[in-house]
Amino acid sequence: QVQLVESGGGLVQAGGALRLSCAASGNIFSINTMGWYRQAPGKQRELVATITSGGSTNYADSVKGRFTISRDNAKNTAYLQMNSLKLEDTAVYYCIADQPFRGRDWGQGTQVTVSS
């Protein structure tokens, strides 16, 4: 199993920025996709962004142009730069990591709160 440790969450005013980090450790064979999901109170968990080991990215429409996902394969770490934050970005953000034949691992989550 892979352990995913998220950091960088917090409280920020609308229009501000935060950078999330996700460091993977443990039983790592070959992480293909890393990414971020989020869950707001009373809502279902939703995809935010993913990135493959080759650098291909995918974003939810709601964050395109504002969020940027990146990763350092050597460090098994993914990042999510979040700019122009909106009230509706408030959620718990979860890191994910996919490995071939080993499925998906999830982090514990980090709270992001955007205030007016």
Protein backbone atom coordinates (compact mmCIF):
# COMPACT_ATOMS: atom_id res chain seq x y z
CA GLN A 1 0.00 0.00 0.00
CA VAL A 2 1.10 3.55 -0.74
CA GLN A 3 0.88 6.29 1.85
CA LEU A 4 -0.11 9.72 0.56
CA VAL A 5 0.51 12.77 2.72
CA GLU A 6 -1.14 16.02 1.68
CA SER A 7 -0.09 19.45 2.83
CA GLY A 8 -0.70 23.07 1.99
CA GLY A 9 -4.38 23.45 2.77
CA GLY A 10 -5.72 26.30 4.84
CA LEU A 11 -7.86 29.41 4.92
CA VAL A 12 -7.58 31.97 2.14
CA GLN A 13 -9.63 34.90 0.93
CA ALA A 14 -11.48 34.75 -2.35
CA GLY A 15 -9.15 35.63 -5.17
CA GLY A 16 -6.16 34.27 -3.31
CA ALA A 17 -3.94 31.28 -3.98
CA LEU A 18 -2.81 28.08 -2.30
CA ARG A 19 -0.46 25.29 -3.30
CA LEU A 20 -1.20 21.73 -2.26
CA SER A 21 1.44 19.03 -2.14
CA CYS A 22 1.04 15.25 -2.06
CA ALA A 23 4.00 13.05 -1.22
CA ALA A 24 3.78 9.31 -1.86
CA SER A 25 5.77 6.75 0.07
CA GLY A 26 5.68 3.08 0.97
CA ASN A 27 5.07 0.19 -1.41
CA ILE A 28 5.67 2.09 -4.63
CA PHE A 29 6.18 0.07 -7.78
CA SER A 30 5.32 2.53 -10.50
CA ILE A 31 2.82 5.32 -9.99
CA ASN A 32 1.02 6.08 -13.20
CA THR A 33 -1.60 8.69 -12.40
CA MET A 34 -1.59 11.11 -9.50
CA GLY A 35 -4.26 13.65 -8.89
CA TRP A 36 -6.71 15.46 -6.70
CA TYR A 37 -10.36 15.04 -5.86
CA ARG A 38 -12.42 17.23 -3.57
CA GLN A 39 -15.57 16.95 -1.51
CA ALA A 40 -17.58 19.90 -0.32
CA PRO A 41 -20.10 19.61 2.54
CA GLY A 42 -23.25 17.87 1.37
CA LYS A 43 -21.82 17.12 -2.06
CA GLN A 44 -20.31 14.12 -3.78
CA ARG A 45 -16.60 13.75 -4.18
CA GLU A 46 -15.49 15.13 -7.57
CA LEU A 47 -12.42 15.06 -9.76
CA VAL A 48 -10.30 18.21 -9.71
CA ALA A 49 -7.24 17.31 -11.77
CA THR A 50 -5.01 14.40 -12.69
CA ILE A 51 -1.57 14.01 -14.21
CA THR A 52 0.11 10.93 -15.66
CA SER A 53 3.75 9.98 -15.28
CA GLY A 54 4.26 11.31 -18.80
CA GLY A 55 2.82 14.68 -17.91
CA SER A 56 -0.62 14.46 -19.52
CA THR A 57 -3.15 16.45 -17.51
CA ASN A 58 -6.89 16.50 -17.09
CA TYR A 59 -8.95 19.15 -15.30
CA ALA A 60 -12.51 19.62 -14.19
CA ASP A 61 -14.18 22.39 -16.19
CA SER A 62 -14.75 24.36 -13.01
CA VAL A 63 -11.02 24.76 -12.36
CA LYS A 64 -9.60 25.08 -15.87
CA GLY A 65 -7.49 28.19 -16.22
CA ARG A 66 -7.20 28.64 -12.45
CA PHE A 67 -5.60 25.42 -11.17
CA THR A 68 -2.40 23.79 -12.38
CA ILE A 69 -1.33 20.26 -11.53
CA SER A 70 2.30 19.18 -11.73
CA ARG A 71 4.47 16.39 -10.38
CA ASP A 72 8.03 15.44 -9.61
CA ASN A 73 8.36 11.79 -10.58
CA ALA A 74 11.72 11.42 -8.85
CA LYS A 75 10.13 12.52 -5.56
CA ASN A 76 6.78 10.79 -6.15
CA THR A 77 5.16 14.09 -5.33
CA ALA A 78 2.28 15.92 -6.97
CA TYR A 79 1.34 19.56 -6.63
CA LEU A 80 -1.80 21.55 -7.19
CA GLN A 81 -1.38 25.29 -7.65
CA MET A 82 -4.73 26.94 -7.06
CA ASN A 83 -5.14 30.56 -8.15
CA SER A 84 -8.12 32.90 -8.21
CA LEU A 85 -9.84 30.83 -5.57
CA LYS A 86 -13.61 31.08 -5.26
CA LEU A 87 -15.96 30.40 -2.38
CA GLU A 88 -17.14 27.28 -4.19
CA ASP A 89 -13.63 25.83 -4.10
CA THR A 90 -14.07 25.26 -0.37
CA ALA A 91 -13.76 21.52 0.22
CA VAL A 92 -11.59 18.75 1.56
CA TYR A 93 -9.02 17.94 -1.11
CA TYR A 94 -7.85 14.35 -1.47
CA CYS A 95 -4.76 13.12 -3.26
CA ILE A 96 -4.87 9.92 -5.29
CA ALA A 97 -2.23 7.65 -6.79
CA ASP A 98 -2.83 4.82 -9.26
CA GLN A 99 -0.46 1.93 -9.86
CA PRO A 100 -0.81 -0.84 -12.44
CA PHE A 101 -2.50 -3.94 -10.98
CA ARG A 102 -2.57 -2.32 -7.52
CA GLY A 103 -5.50 0.03 -7.84
CA ARG A 104 -5.91 3.45 -6.29
CA ASP A 105 -4.66 4.82 -3.00
CA TRP A 106 -6.16 7.87 -1.30
CA GLY A 107 -4.74 10.44 1.06
CA GLN A 108 -6.42 11.53 4.27
CA GLY A 109 -7.44 14.88 2.83
CA THR A 110 -6.58 18.49 3.51
CA GLN A 111 -9.11 21.24 4.15
CA VAL A 112 -9.23 24.26 1.86
CA THR A 113 -11.51 27.07 2.99
CA VAL A 114 -12.11 30.15 0.87
CA SER A 115 -13.64 33.12 2.67
CA SER A 116 -15.30 36.26 1.32
